[in-house]
Protein backbone atom coordinates (compact mmCIF):
# COMPACT_ATOMS: atom_id res chain seq x y z
CA MET A 1 18.82 -121.31 43.73
CA SER A 2 18.89 -119.74 40.00
CA ILE A 3 16.18 -117.47 38.87
CA GLU A 4 14.14 -118.68 35.88
CA SER A 5 11.51 -117.46 33.84
CA ALA A 6 7.92 -118.43 33.78
CA ASN A 7 8.42 -121.35 31.22
CA GLY A 8 11.23 -122.81 33.65
CA THR A 9 13.86 -121.91 31.41
CA ALA A 10 16.68 -119.56 32.32
CA PRO A 11 16.36 -116.03 30.92
CA PRO A 12 19.00 -115.18 28.22
CA PRO A 13 22.04 -113.33 29.12
CA GLU A 14 22.24 -109.80 28.58
CA PRO A 15 23.94 -108.77 25.13
CA ALA A 16 27.58 -107.66 26.12
CA ARG A 17 27.91 -103.95 25.43
CA PRO A 18 30.03 -103.37 22.19
CA ALA A 19 33.83 -102.07 22.91
CA ARG A 20 34.06 -98.49 22.11
CA ARG A 21 35.75 -97.60 19.64
CA GLU A 22 38.65 -95.34 19.56
CA HIS A 23 39.70 -93.25 16.61
CA VAL A 24 43.12 -92.00 17.73
CA PRO A 25 44.82 -90.59 14.26
CA THR A 26 41.37 -88.36 13.65
CA ALA A 27 41.66 -87.19 17.28
CA ILE A 28 45.21 -86.59 17.34
CA GLY A 29 44.53 -84.43 14.47
CA LEU A 30 41.51 -82.71 15.76
CA MET A 31 43.53 -81.73 18.92
CA LEU A 32 46.54 -80.27 17.01
CA VAL A 33 44.06 -77.93 15.19
CA SER A 34 42.08 -76.80 18.06
CA THR A 35 45.34 -76.06 19.80
CA PHE A 36 46.53 -73.82 17.03
CA VAL A 37 43.02 -72.09 17.15
CA PHE A 38 43.33 -71.75 20.87
CA THR A 39 46.64 -70.14 20.80
CA CYS A 40 45.59 -67.50 18.13
CA THR A 41 42.05 -66.28 20.30
CA SER A 42 44.29 -66.73 23.46
CA ALA A 43 46.84 -63.99 22.06
CA LEU A 44 43.86 -62.10 20.81
CA SER A 45 42.16 -62.21 24.24
CA LYS A 46 45.23 -60.54 26.30
CA TRP A 47 45.18 -57.89 24.00
CA LEU A 48 41.47 -57.28 24.59
CA ILE A 49 41.61 -57.55 28.07
CA GLU A 50 43.94 -54.57 27.79
CA THR A 51 41.29 -52.53 26.79
CA TYR A 52 37.86 -54.37 27.98
CA PRO A 53 36.86 -55.78 31.17
CA ILE A 54 37.61 -59.27 31.76
CA GLY A 55 34.21 -60.46 31.70
CA GLU A 56 33.12 -58.78 28.59
CA VAL A 57 36.01 -60.70 26.74
CA LEU A 58 34.90 -63.83 28.29
CA TRP A 59 31.36 -63.23 27.74
CA SER A 60 32.33 -62.80 23.70
CA ARG A 61 34.42 -65.82 23.91
CA VAL A 62 31.29 -68.58 24.84
CA PHE A 63 28.20 -66.16 23.83
CA ILE A 64 28.62 -65.90 20.13
CA PRO A 65 29.58 -69.49 19.28
CA LEU A 66 26.57 -70.66 21.54
CA ILE A 67 24.67 -68.74 18.83
CA GLY A 68 26.58 -69.73 16.08
CA MET A 69 26.47 -73.60 17.46
CA SER A 70 22.46 -72.86 17.78
CA LEU A 71 22.01 -71.75 14.41
CA ILE A 72 23.92 -75.13 13.14
CA VAL A 73 22.65 -77.66 15.53
CA LEU A 74 18.89 -76.87 16.39
CA PRO A 75 17.93 -76.92 13.27
CA ARG A 76 18.85 -80.93 13.25
CA THR A 77 18.20 -82.04 16.52
CA GLY A 78 15.78 -79.56 18.09
CA LEU A 79 15.45 -79.46 21.39
CA SER A 80 16.95 -83.08 21.74
CA VAL A 81 20.32 -82.00 21.51
CA PHE A 82 19.76 -81.16 25.59
CA HIS A 83 18.16 -84.38 26.31
CA THR A 84 20.38 -86.16 28.93
CA ALA A 85 20.36 -88.18 32.23
CA ARG A 86 23.39 -86.39 33.14
CA PHE A 87 22.64 -82.70 33.94
CA LYS A 88 24.68 -82.90 37.24
CA GLY A 89 27.73 -83.62 35.04
CA HIS A 90 27.31 -81.14 32.64
CA LEU A 91 26.65 -78.28 35.25
CA PHE A 92 30.09 -79.47 37.23
CA ARG A 93 31.91 -79.23 33.60
CA GLY A 94 30.07 -75.41 32.77
CA VAL A 95 31.23 -73.95 36.85
CA SER A 96 34.68 -75.56 36.65
CA GLN A 97 35.40 -74.11 33.18
CA THR A 98 33.59 -70.94 33.82
CA CYS A 99 36.36 -70.95 36.79
CA SER A 100 39.01 -72.34 34.76
CA GLN A 101 38.49 -69.34 31.98
CA THR A 102 38.31 -67.00 34.63
CA PHE A 103 41.45 -67.68 36.20
CA LEU A 104 43.55 -68.00 33.12
CA MET A 105 42.30 -64.55 31.75
CA ILE A 106 43.54 -63.11 35.33
CA ALA A 107 46.74 -64.72 34.45
CA PHE A 108 46.81 -63.03 31.04
CA SER A 109 46.30 -59.40 32.28
CA LEU A 110 48.82 -60.32 35.21
CA MET A 111 51.67 -62.15 33.38
CA PRO A 112 53.19 -62.73 29.79
CA LEU A 113 51.53 -64.81 27.40
CA ALA A 114 54.25 -67.35 27.09
CA SER A 115 54.72 -67.77 30.90
CA ALA A 116 50.92 -68.26 31.38
CA VAL A 117 50.44 -70.65 28.38
CA ALA A 118 53.85 -72.34 29.96
CA ILE A 119 52.26 -72.97 33.45
CA ASN A 120 49.20 -74.43 31.60
CA PHE A 121 50.91 -77.00 29.88
CA SER A 122 50.98 -78.76 33.08
CA ALA A 123 47.40 -79.52 32.77
CA PRO A 124 47.94 -83.15 30.64
CA ILE A 125 49.60 -84.08 33.71
CA PHE A 126 46.50 -83.38 35.87
CA ALA A 127 44.39 -84.71 33.38
CA THR A 128 46.30 -87.73 33.12
CA LEU A 129 46.26 -88.21 37.00
CA ALA A 130 42.60 -87.58 37.07
CA SER A 131 41.69 -90.63 34.48
CA MET A 132 43.42 -92.86 36.57
CA ILE A 133 41.74 -91.96 39.38
CA PHE A 134 38.13 -91.38 38.18
CA LEU A 135 38.16 -92.92 34.78
CA ARG A 136 40.35 -95.71 35.62
CA GLU A 137 42.13 -95.81 32.64
CA HIS A 138 45.30 -97.67 32.14
CA VAL A 139 48.54 -95.44 31.79
CA GLY A 140 51.38 -97.62 30.79
CA MET A 141 54.92 -96.39 30.31
CA ALA A 142 55.06 -95.08 27.17
CA ARG A 143 52.13 -92.63 27.51
CA TRP A 144 53.70 -91.56 31.11
CA SER A 145 57.09 -90.98 28.93
CA ALA A 146 55.37 -89.03 26.24
CA ILE A 147 54.11 -87.14 28.58
CA LEU A 148 56.88 -86.29 31.05
CA VAL A 149 59.42 -85.92 28.16
CA GLY A 150 56.66 -83.25 26.41
CA PHE A 151 57.11 -81.25 29.46
CA PHE A 152 60.66 -81.08 29.74
CA GLY A 153 60.67 -79.69 26.42
CA VAL A 154 58.00 -77.02 27.86
CA LEU A 155 60.84 -76.12 30.68
CA VAL A 156 63.82 -76.19 28.17
CA VAL A 157 61.67 -73.37 26.05
CA THR A 158 60.63 -71.41 29.10
CA SER A 159 63.42 -71.75 31.40
CA PRO A 160 61.49 -71.36 34.57
CA GLY A 161 62.55 -69.27 37.10
CA THR A 162 62.04 -67.60 40.33
CA GLU A 163 60.28 -65.00 38.72
CA THR A 164 57.78 -67.12 37.57
CA PHE A 165 56.10 -67.47 40.47
CA THR A 166 54.01 -64.66 40.76
CA ILE A 167 50.38 -63.82 41.59
CA GLY A 168 49.71 -64.35 37.93
CA ALA A 169 51.54 -67.83 37.87
CA LEU A 170 49.08 -68.96 40.70
CA PHE A 171 45.99 -68.18 38.65
CA ALA A 172 47.89 -70.17 35.88
CA LEU A 173 48.49 -73.01 37.84
CA ALA A 174 44.83 -72.90 39.30
CA ASN A 175 43.58 -72.95 35.29
CA ALA A 176 45.96 -75.97 34.76
CA ILE A 177 44.23 -77.81 37.21
CA MET A 178 40.88 -77.26 36.86
CA TYR A 179 41.50 -77.62 32.64
CA GLY A 180 43.22 -80.78 33.20
CA THR A 181 40.49 -82.40 35.65
CA VAL A 182 37.52 -81.26 33.47
CA THR A 183 39.31 -82.85 30.23
CA ALA A 184 38.95 -85.75 32.50
CA GLY A 185 35.92 -85.20 33.52
CA VAL A 186 34.66 -85.03 29.57
CA ARG A 187 36.01 -88.06 28.61
CA GLY A 188 33.77 -89.84 31.13
CA LEU A 189 30.91 -87.93 29.91
CA THR A 190 31.53 -89.14 26.54
CA ALA A 191 30.68 -92.75 27.24
CA THR A 192 26.91 -91.04 26.76
CA GLU A 193 26.68 -88.08 25.56
CA SER A 194 27.55 -86.35 21.88
CA ALA A 195 29.88 -83.88 21.05
CA GLN A 196 27.20 -81.43 20.34
CA THR A 197 25.38 -81.93 23.42
CA LEU A 198 28.46 -81.26 25.53
CA THR A 199 29.56 -78.25 23.55
CA MET A 200 26.10 -76.85 23.83
CA TYR A 201 25.44 -77.34 27.59
CA GLN A 202 29.09 -75.98 27.96
CA MET A 203 28.31 -72.32 25.79
CA LEU A 204 25.02 -72.31 27.47
CA ILE A 205 26.09 -72.54 30.93
CA MET A 206 29.19 -70.59 30.44
CA SER A 207 27.18 -67.77 28.66
CA ALA A 208 24.87 -68.02 31.80
CA ALA A 209 27.72 -67.25 34.26
CA PHE A 210 29.56 -64.71 32.41
CA THR A 211 26.51 -62.94 31.61
CA LEU A 212 26.10 -62.23 35.17
CA MET A 213 29.88 -60.52 35.10
CA LEU A 214 29.04 -57.90 32.79
CA PRO A 215 27.14 -55.45 34.98
CA PHE A 216 29.88 -55.19 36.83
CA GLY A 217 31.95 -53.75 34.08
CA PHE A 218 31.35 -53.35 30.52
CA THR A 219 32.84 -50.86 27.64
CA VAL A 220 30.81 -50.35 24.36
CA PRO A 221 33.46 -51.83 21.85
CA THR A 222 34.17 -49.80 18.49
CA TRP A 223 33.49 -51.37 15.45
CA THR A 224 36.99 -52.68 14.69
CA ASP A 225 36.75 -54.18 17.88
CA ALA A 226 33.80 -55.71 17.90
CA GLY A 227 34.77 -57.80 14.49
CA TRP A 228 37.93 -58.64 16.86
CA LEU A 229 35.53 -59.90 19.85
CA VAL A 230 33.13 -61.79 17.01
CA LEU A 231 36.54 -63.29 15.72
CA ASN A 232 37.58 -64.22 19.07
CA GLY A 233 34.03 -65.77 20.06
CA VAL A 234 34.10 -67.98 16.86
CA GLY A 235 37.13 -69.27 16.99
CA ASN A 236 37.25 -70.31 20.61
CA GLY A 237 33.90 -72.06 19.94
CA LEU A 238 35.44 -73.81 16.74
CA ALA A 239 38.41 -75.14 19.13
CA GLN A 240 36.06 -75.67 21.93
CA TYR A 241 34.05 -77.91 19.57
CA TRP A 242 37.32 -79.53 18.19
CA TRP A 243 38.86 -80.27 21.39
CA THR A 244 35.68 -81.97 22.94
CA ARG A 245 35.39 -84.12 19.84
CA ALA A 246 38.74 -84.78 19.97
CA ILE A 247 38.43 -86.03 23.80
CA HIS A 248 35.38 -88.20 22.51
CA LEU A 249 37.56 -90.34 20.03
CA ALA A 250 40.30 -91.36 22.08
CA PRO A 251 41.89 -91.68 25.80
CA THR A 252 42.84 -88.63 27.81
CA SER A 253 46.28 -89.93 28.14
CA VAL A 254 46.60 -90.38 24.15
CA VAL A 255 45.50 -86.95 23.10
CA SER A 256 46.41 -84.86 25.92
CA PRO A 257 50.28 -84.70 25.04
CA PHE A 258 49.36 -83.26 21.89
CA GLN A 259 48.13 -79.69 23.70
CA TYR A 260 52.04 -79.05 23.92
CA PHE A 261 52.05 -78.22 20.12
CA SER A 262 50.50 -75.13 21.22
CA LEU A 263 54.30 -73.98 21.94
CA ILE A 264 55.00 -74.92 18.25
CA TRP A 265 52.18 -72.67 16.93
CA ALA A 266 53.11 -69.76 19.52
CA MET A 267 56.94 -69.90 18.18
CA MET A 268 55.33 -70.02 13.89
CA LEU A 269 53.10 -67.10 14.81
CA GLY A 270 55.23 -64.97 16.79
CA PHE A 271 57.63 -65.18 13.66
CA ALA A 272 55.01 -64.43 11.09
CA ILE A 273 53.72 -61.79 12.48
CA TRP A 274 55.97 -59.90 14.96
CA GLY A 275 59.07 -61.66 13.42
CA ASP A 276 60.08 -62.85 16.97
CA VAL A 277 63.45 -65.01 16.16
CA PRO A 278 63.53 -68.63 17.97
CA THR A 279 65.99 -69.05 20.06
CA VAL A 280 68.03 -72.19 20.41
CA SER A 281 66.23 -73.23 23.54
CA LEU A 282 62.92 -72.17 21.77
CA VAL A 283 64.04 -74.68 19.04
CA ILE A 284 65.61 -77.88 20.81
CA GLY A 285 62.43 -77.52 23.19
CA GLY A 286 60.10 -77.45 20.37
CA ALA A 287 61.97 -80.59 18.81
CA ILE A 288 61.15 -82.07 22.31
CA VAL A 289 57.91 -81.56 22.48
CA ALA A 290 57.06 -82.04 18.50
CA GLY A 291 58.91 -85.73 19.16
CA SER A 292 57.03 -86.96 22.36
CA GLY A 293 53.71 -86.43 20.68
CA LEU A 294 54.83 -87.73 17.02
CA PHE A 295 56.43 -90.98 18.82
CA LEU A 296 53.04 -91.36 20.39
CA LEU A 297 51.22 -91.17 17.51
CA TRP A 298 53.62 -93.29 15.56
CA ARG A 299 53.10 -96.08 18.62
CA GLU A 300 49.03 -95.45 18.81
CA SER A 301 48.52 -95.77 15.14
CA ARG A 302 50.28 -99.22 15.10
CA LYS A 303 48.37 -100.54 17.86
CA ALA A 304 45.40 -99.75 16.04
CA ALA A 305 46.20 -101.27 12.70
């Protein structure tokens, strides 16, 4: 028997929820910019932890952008930016990224920057797998091909051998797994949460966690190093926001492969700053990475047209 309203007529059907609009080209652009800034801050962080405790560097990477975001966002939104029905999701993300960032800094302290970054490139694989399992995203052959071809390009560049598997590599791999699953988790939260809310909760929770680490090690920085710490935090905050916005605008499996471009940025910065001449394997592998990402951009833009 059908349910009827008091006047004897069936209740009108609920309006269909509008389909979520994707902005793939914009999302890819934001991901490219965020990977460049992340590459710069990763290099700066590795340099800083040679002098300062890991907890102090991590704290500066999140507390400074928390202040900056608060000055920009709160005057416009007030405390409503923290209004959410998914606090557990934000808490899980904050704790996961706290662990992820800690693992990455430990890896930086134990192994070369390039090796740690190369291992972190496996994160899109875990992000795609998590998206399939938890978000039920469809990952077709073209997306899988772009991810796997891009990862093959990374292997060509890094030429990993047995020396790669060290204690530092285990921390780097742990970071990649958590980073990849967090990427998928953020995509799920973007269905109801704004990029501002996601970023503010992230910075607030991580700042609280890393503040607890300060009593275990803190070195008063010089004025010059204090400037570098501030710059590191500002850069990390901007990159985190752009990264979150990219995940907000397009499926995880579409934008994740463009994290491979960190390798391209590292090559360019290495040549511009330290005069590192790219090897043949760097050029070939970099071309494979760029080609896989550009193919995906072309395909997704054609579908959206």
